[in-house]
C-alpha atoms as a PDB file:
ATOM      1  CA  MET A   1      31.833 -17.866 -25.354  1.00  0.00           C
ATOM      2  CA  LEU A   2      31.238 -14.353 -26.119  1.00  0.00           C
ATOM      3  CA  PHE A   3      28.548 -13.816 -23.626  1.00  0.00           C
ATOM      4  CA  LYS A   4      27.936 -15.285 -20.205  1.00  0.00           C
ATOM      5  CA  LYS A   5      24.936 -16.377 -18.496  1.00  0.00           C
ATOM      6  CA  GLY A   6      22.475 -13.058 -17.492  1.00  0.00           C
ATOM      7  CA  ASP A   7      24.068 -10.787 -20.282  1.00  0.00           C
ATOM      8  CA  VAL A   8      21.943  -8.408 -22.088  1.00  0.00           C
ATOM      9  CA  VAL A   9      21.825  -9.058 -26.018  1.00  0.00           C
ATOM     10  CA  ALA A  10      20.317  -7.721 -29.185  1.00  0.00           C
ATOM     11  CA  PRO A  11      18.868  -9.388 -32.022  1.00  0.00           C
ATOM     12  CA  GLY A  12      21.755 -10.459 -34.085  1.00  0.00           C
ATOM     13  CA  ASP A  13      24.432 -10.473 -31.188  1.00  0.00           C
ATOM     14  CA  ILE A  14      26.672 -13.573 -31.699  1.00  0.00           C
ATOM     15  CA  ILE A  15      26.001 -15.791 -28.640  1.00  0.00           C
ATOM     16  CA  CYS A  16      28.615 -18.715 -29.645  1.00  0.00           C
ATOM     17  CA  THR A  17      29.223 -21.337 -31.457  1.00  0.00           C
ATOM     18  CA  CYS A  18      27.239 -24.676 -32.459  1.00  0.00           C
ATOM     19  CA  GLU A  19      30.040 -26.379 -30.938  1.00  0.00           C
ATOM     20  CA  GLU A  20      29.988 -24.998 -27.256  1.00  0.00           C
ATOM     21  CA  TYR A  21      26.156 -25.148 -26.761  1.00  0.00           C
ATOM     22  CA  ILE A  22      22.426 -26.344 -28.515  1.00  0.00           C
ATOM     23  CA  PRO A  23      20.573 -23.439 -29.864  1.00  0.00           C
ATOM     24  CA  LEU A  24      16.915 -23.485 -27.942  1.00  0.00           C
ATOM     25  CA  ASP A  25      14.420 -20.650 -27.491  1.00  0.00           C
ATOM     26  CA  ASN A  26      15.165 -17.090 -29.262  1.00  0.00           C
ATOM     27  CA  VAL A  27      18.798 -17.954 -30.946  1.00  0.00           C
ATOM     28  CA  TYR A  28      19.276 -19.516 -34.478  1.00  0.00           C
ATOM     29  CA  GLU A  29      22.401 -21.412 -35.779  1.00  0.00           C
ATOM     30  CA  ASP A  30      23.739 -19.463 -38.938  1.00  0.00           C
ATOM     31  CA  ASN A  31      25.515 -20.606 -42.052  1.00  0.00           C
ATOM     32  CA  ASN A  32      28.857 -20.089 -40.075  1.00  0.00           C
ATOM     33  CA  GLY A  33      28.359 -22.327 -36.991  1.00  0.00           C
ATOM     34  CA  TYR A  34      27.447 -19.195 -35.060  1.00  0.00           C
ATOM     35  CA  ILE A  35      24.740 -19.238 -32.606  1.00  0.00           C
ATOM     36  CA  ILE A  36      22.707 -15.955 -32.801  1.00  0.00           C
ATOM     37  CA  SER A  37      20.357 -13.956 -31.014  1.00  0.00           C
ATOM     38  CA  GLU A  38      16.652 -13.316 -32.345  1.00  0.00           C
ATOM     39  CA  ILE A  39      15.488 -10.772 -30.080  1.00  0.00           C
ATOM     40  CA  GLN A  40      16.628  -8.849 -27.032  1.00  0.00           C
ATOM     41  CA  GLY A  41      16.983 -10.551 -23.703  1.00  0.00           C
ATOM     42  CA  HIS A  42      19.011 -11.818 -21.265  1.00  0.00           C
ATOM     43  CA  VAL A  43      21.513 -15.170 -22.387  1.00  0.00           C
ATOM     44  CA  SER A  44      20.061 -18.367 -20.237  1.00  0.00           C
ATOM     45  CA  ILE A  45      22.802 -21.058 -20.249  1.00  0.00           C
ATOM     46  CA  ASP A  46      22.321 -24.835 -19.370  1.00  0.00           C
ATOM     47  CA  ASN A  47      25.783 -26.297 -18.638  1.00  0.00           C
ATOM     48  CA  SER A  48      24.426 -29.572 -18.012  1.00  0.00           C
ATOM     49  CA  GLU A  49      22.512 -30.008 -21.018  1.00  0.00           C
ATOM     50  CA  LYS A  50      24.729 -27.635 -22.670  1.00  0.00           C
ATOM     51  CA  THR A  51      21.870 -25.547 -24.160  1.00  0.00           C
ATOM     52  CA  VAL A  52      21.895 -21.598 -24.562  1.00  0.00           C
ATOM     53  CA  SER A  53      18.465 -19.225 -25.290  1.00  0.00           C
ATOM     54  CA  ILE A  54      17.419 -15.921 -24.629  1.00  0.00           C
ATOM     55  CA  GLU A  55      14.937 -14.902 -22.080  1.00  0.00           C
ATOM     56  CA  ALA A  56      12.846 -11.850 -23.429  1.00  0.00           C
ATOM     57  CA  ASN A  57      12.974  -8.346 -21.625  1.00  0.00           C
ATOM     58  CA  THR A  58       9.287  -7.771 -21.017  1.00  0.00           C
ATOM     59  CA  PRO A  59       8.514  -4.802 -19.915  1.00  0.00           C
ATOM     60  CA  LYS A  60       6.529  -4.324 -16.534  1.00  0.00           C
ATOM     61  CA  LEU A  61       2.606  -2.984 -17.171  1.00  0.00           C
ATOM     62  CA  LEU A  62       0.510  -1.278 -14.732  1.00  0.00           C
ATOM     63  CA  GLU A  63      -1.729  -3.076 -12.744  1.00  0.00           C
ATOM     64  CA  LYS A  64      -4.367  -2.400 -10.072  1.00  0.00           C
ATOM     65  CA  ASP A  65      -3.087  -1.588  -6.749  1.00  0.00           C
ATOM     66  CA  ASP A  66       0.281  -0.742  -8.401  1.00  0.00           C
ATOM     67  CA  ILE A  67       1.679   2.525  -6.642  1.00  0.00           C
ATOM     68  CA  VAL A  68       3.037   4.973  -9.151  1.00  0.00           C
ATOM     69  CA  ILE A  69       4.967   8.225  -9.390  1.00  0.00           C
ATOM     70  CA  GLY A  70       4.245  10.863 -11.930  1.00  0.00           C
ATOM     71  CA  TYR A  71       3.551  14.558 -12.342  1.00  0.00           C
ATOM     72  CA  ILE A  72       0.661  16.631 -12.668  1.00  0.00           C
ATOM     73  CA  THR A  73       0.187  18.306 -15.883  1.00  0.00           C
ATOM     74  CA  GLU A  74      -3.474  19.619 -15.925  1.00  0.00           C
ATOM     75  CA  ILE A  75      -5.917  20.612 -13.058  1.00  0.00           C
ATOM     76  CA  LYS A  76      -9.658  20.875 -13.537  1.00  0.00           C
ATOM     77  CA  PRO A  77     -12.342  21.829 -10.957  1.00  0.00           C
ATOM     78  CA  HIS A  78     -12.882  18.061  -9.754  1.00  0.00           C
ATOM     79  CA  LYS A  79      -9.730  16.201 -11.010  1.00  0.00           C
ATOM     80  CA  ILE A  80      -6.198  16.570 -11.773  1.00  0.00           C
ATOM     81  CA  PHE A  81      -4.547  14.717 -14.487  1.00  0.00           C
ATOM     82  CA  ILE A  82      -0.835  13.024 -14.092  1.00  0.00           C
ATOM     83  CA  THR A  83       1.639  11.606 -16.199  1.00  0.00           C
ATOM     84  CA  VAL A  84       2.778   8.373 -14.890  1.00  0.00           C
ATOM     85  CA  LYS A  85       6.616   7.650 -15.653  1.00  0.00           C
ATOM     86  CA  LYS A  86       7.388   4.923 -13.224  1.00  0.00           C
ATOM     87  CA  ILE A  87       6.025   2.306 -10.750  1.00  0.00           C
ATOM     88  CA  LYS A  88       7.644   3.021  -7.356  1.00  0.00           C
ATOM     89  CA  ASP A  89      11.081   1.049  -6.455  1.00  0.00           C
ATOM     90  CA  THR A  90      11.224  -0.014  -9.936  1.00  0.00           C
ATOM     91  CA  ASP A  91      12.676   1.038 -13.403  1.00  0.00           C
ATOM     92  CA  THR A  92      11.051   3.977 -15.735  1.00  0.00           C
ATOM     93  CA  LEU A  93       7.794   2.455 -17.397  1.00  0.00           C
ATOM     94  CA  PRO A  94       8.566   1.838 -20.977  1.00  0.00           C
ATOM     95  CA  VAL A  95       5.682   4.321 -22.228  1.00  0.00           C
ATOM     96  CA  ALA A  96       4.348   6.981 -19.780  1.00  0.00           C
ATOM     97  CA  TYR A  97       0.751   6.606 -18.752  1.00  0.00           C
ATOM     98  CA  LYS A  98      -1.812   9.466 -18.242  1.00  0.00           C
ATOM     99  CA  GLY A  99      -3.805   9.024 -15.521  1.00  0.00           C
ATOM    100  CA  TYR A 100      -6.227  11.036 -13.273  1.00  0.00           C
ATOM    101  CA  ILE A 101      -7.592  11.735  -9.948  1.00  0.00           C
ATOM    102  CA  HIS A 102     -11.011  12.643  -8.770  1.00  0.00           C
ATOM    103  CA  ILE A 103     -11.535  14.950  -6.218  1.00  0.00           C
ATOM    104  CA  SER A 104     -13.226  12.246  -4.214  1.00  0.00           C
ATOM    105  CA  ASN A 105     -10.323   9.780  -4.410  1.00  0.00           C
ATOM    106  CA  THR A 106      -7.602  12.697  -3.007  1.00  0.00           C
ATOM    107  CA  VAL A 107      -8.376  12.492   0.768  1.00  0.00           C
ATOM    108  CA  ASN A 108     -10.873  11.486   3.001  1.00  0.00           C
ATOM    109  CA  ASP A 109     -12.366  14.659   3.963  1.00  0.00           C
ATOM    110  CA  PHE A 110     -14.479  17.177   2.301  1.00  0.00           C
ATOM    111  CA  VAL A 111     -12.263  19.516  -0.244  1.00  0.00           C
ATOM    112  CA  PRO A 112     -13.875  22.610  -1.757  1.00  0.00           C
ATOM    113  CA  SER A 113     -11.218  22.903  -4.394  1.00  0.00           C
ATOM    114  CA  ILE A 114      -8.749  20.558  -5.683  1.00  0.00           C
ATOM    115  CA  ASN A 115      -6.622  23.511  -6.213  1.00  0.00           C
ATOM    116  CA  ASP A 116      -6.138  23.417  -2.374  1.00  0.00           C
ATOM    117  CA  LEU A 117      -4.569  20.149  -2.729  1.00  0.00           C
ATOM    118  CA  PHE A 118      -2.148  20.120  -5.643  1.00  0.00           C
ATOM    119  CA  LYS A 119      -0.425  22.059  -7.976  1.00  0.00           C
ATOM    120  CA  ILE A 120       0.925  21.851 -11.491  1.00  0.00           C
ATOM    121  CA  GLY A 121       4.259  20.284 -11.926  1.00  0.00           C
ATOM    122  CA  ASP A 122       3.789  18.520  -8.151  1.00  0.00           C
ATOM    123  CA  ILE A 123       5.268  15.275  -8.230  1.00  0.00           C
ATOM    124  CA  VAL A 124       2.788  12.938  -6.907  1.00  0.00           C
ATOM    125  CA  GLU A 125       2.796   8.978  -5.870  1.00  0.00           C
ATOM    126  CA  ALA A 126      -0.648   7.556  -6.146  1.00  0.00           C
ATOM    127  CA  LYS A 127      -2.292   4.109  -6.268  1.00  0.00           C
ATOM    128  CA  VAL A 128      -3.906   2.445  -9.254  1.00  0.00           C
ATOM    129  CA  ILE A 129      -7.729   1.953  -8.438  1.00  0.00           C
ATOM    130  CA  LYS A 130      -8.616   1.201 -12.103  1.00  0.00           C
ATOM    131  CA  MET A 131      -7.043   0.416 -15.610  1.00  0.00           C
ATOM    132  CA  ILE A 132      -9.616   2.498 -17.938  1.00  0.00           C
ATOM    133  CA  SER A 133      -7.639   1.608 -20.893  1.00  0.00           C
ATOM    134  CA  LYS A 134      -3.966   0.350 -21.979  1.00  0.00           C
ATOM    135  CA  GLU A 135      -2.559   3.950 -21.128  1.00  0.00           C
ATOM    136  CA  PHE A 136      -5.206   5.522 -19.169  1.00  0.00           C
ATOM    137  CA  ILE A 137      -5.526   4.996 -15.642  1.00  0.00           C
ATOM    138  CA  ASN A 138      -7.508   6.016 -12.430  1.00  0.00           C
ATOM    139  CA  LEU A 139      -5.616   6.843  -9.591  1.00  0.00           C
ATOM    140  CA  SER A 140      -6.019   7.650  -6.032  1.00  0.00           C
ATOM    141  CA  THR A 141      -4.198   9.601  -3.126  1.00  0.00           C
ATOM    142  CA  VAL A 142      -6.061   8.621  -0.162  1.00  0.00           C
ATOM    143  CA  ASP A 143      -3.865   6.529   2.070  1.00  0.00           C
ATOM    144  CA  GLU A 144      -1.484   8.772   4.009  1.00  0.00           C
ATOM    145  CA  ASP A 145       1.745   7.526   2.398  1.00  0.00           C
ATOM    146  CA  LEU A 146       0.190   8.952  -0.783  1.00  0.00           C
ATOM    147  CA  GLY A 147       0.306  12.507  -2.191  1.00  0.00           C
ATOM    148  CA  ILE A 148       3.079  14.710  -3.351  1.00  0.00           C
ATOM    149  CA  ILE A 149       6.319  13.708  -2.804  1.00  0.00           C
ATOM    150  CA  LYS A 150       7.575  17.137  -4.354  1.00  0.00           C
ATOM    151  CA  ALA A 151       5.861  19.871  -4.513  1.00  0.00           C
ATOM    152  CA  ILE A 152       6.630  23.062  -7.084  1.00  0.00           C
ATOM    153  CA  CYS A 153       6.397  26.470  -5.834  1.00  0.00           C
ATOM    154  CA  PRO A 154       3.898  28.396  -7.867  1.00  0.00           C
ATOM    155  CA  ASN A 155       5.849  31.603  -7.639  1.00  0.00           C
ATOM    156  CA  CYS A 156       9.268  30.896  -8.731  1.00  0.00           C
ATOM    157  CA  ARG A 157       8.817  27.104  -9.992  1.00  0.00           C
ATOM    158  CA  GLN A 158      11.670  25.670  -7.548  1.00  0.00           C
ATOM    159  CA  PHE A 159      10.734  22.419  -5.248  1.00  0.00           C
ATOM    160  CA  MET A 160       9.579  23.481  -1.825  1.00  0.00           C
ATOM    161  CA  ASP A 161      10.812  21.978   1.523  1.00  0.00           C
ATOM    162  CA  ILE A 162       8.662  20.863   4.595  1.00  0.00           C
ATOM    163  CA  ASN A 163       8.509  21.850   7.966  1.00  0.00           C
ATOM    164  CA  ASN A 164       8.114  18.212   9.476  1.00  0.00           C
ATOM    165  CA  ASN A 165       5.680  19.884  12.551  1.00  0.00           C
ATOM    166  CA  THR A 166       3.556  21.860  10.670  1.00  0.00           C
ATOM    167  CA  LYS A 167       3.564  19.848   7.578  1.00  0.00           C
ATOM    168  CA  GLU A 168       3.613  23.157   5.557  1.00  0.00           C
ATOM    169  CA  LEU A 169       5.435  23.646   2.770  1.00  0.00           C
ATOM    170  CA  TYR A 170       8.109  26.696   2.394  1.00  0.00           C
ATOM    171  CA  CYS A 171      10.103  28.213  -0.753  1.00  0.00           C
ATOM    172  CA  SER A 172      13.411  30.103  -0.618  1.00  0.00           C
ATOM    173  CA  CYS A 173      10.852  32.963  -2.184  1.00  0.00           C
ATOM    174  CA  GLY A 174       9.004  33.084   1.046  1.00  0.00           C
ATOM    175  CA  ASN A 175       5.767  31.390  -0.311  1.00  0.00           C
ATOM    176  CA  LYS A 176       4.110  28.983   2.127  1.00  0.00           C
ATOM    177  CA  ASP A 177       1.450  26.417   1.073  1.00  0.00           C
ATOM    178  CA  LYS A 178      -0.329  23.126   2.463  1.00  0.00           C
ATOM    179  CA  ARG A 179      -1.062  20.536   0.064  1.00  0.00           C
ATOM    180  CA  LYS A 180      -1.949  16.673   0.498  1.00  0.00           C
ATOM    181  CA  ILE A 181       1.564  15.721   1.415  1.00  0.00           C
ATOM    182  CA  SER A 182       2.855  11.842   1.121  1.00  0.00           C
ATOM    183  CA  SER A 183       4.230  10.613   4.324  1.00  0.00           C
ATOM    184  CA  ASN A 184       7.139  10.155   2.171  1.00  0.00           C
ATOM    185  CA  TYR A 185       7.629  13.470   1.089  1.00  0.00           C
ATOM    186  CA  GLY A 186      11.285  14.612  -0.159  1.00  0.00           C
ATOM    187  CA  GLY A 187      12.122  10.838  -0.267  1.00  0.00           C
ATOM    188  CA  TYR A 188      12.124  10.979  -4.352  1.00  0.00           C
END
């Protein structure tokens, strides 16, 4: 046995010989008596039945109500555009999603300008409220635990720190700012 249960294999990897196990799903026996992986995935072994198969690595896709992390790429008068790179508390997504937050989905109060809340480059935590297409999503930061988790200083492009008492952002260059900060700020 070259691989053990749970090991990650690629297509063409020799898993074991046909004398050791019976091939089931996503494996095949070659002319030399080896059991070969057909796909990338995890080795699954049933020792009582003496069978081996490969379970596919299927990437996690976004769904409504997922909490995602991304960065702001563009700001328009009434919405911001975000490149979403990962689902919170999981690995990076296999493909980046594009999303936007309309000004009405940022906070519960009236906001005269979305520029008062976000800046390009800020890293945000947001909730998926609608899947518009396979790779484009509508997001929200209304909840207190959503919003900016790392802010970029517009003057020097360094990450900003937060004064936990005033919830004001400050930078080593002297710049101060107030934005839509997540209660998880700095945790990324």
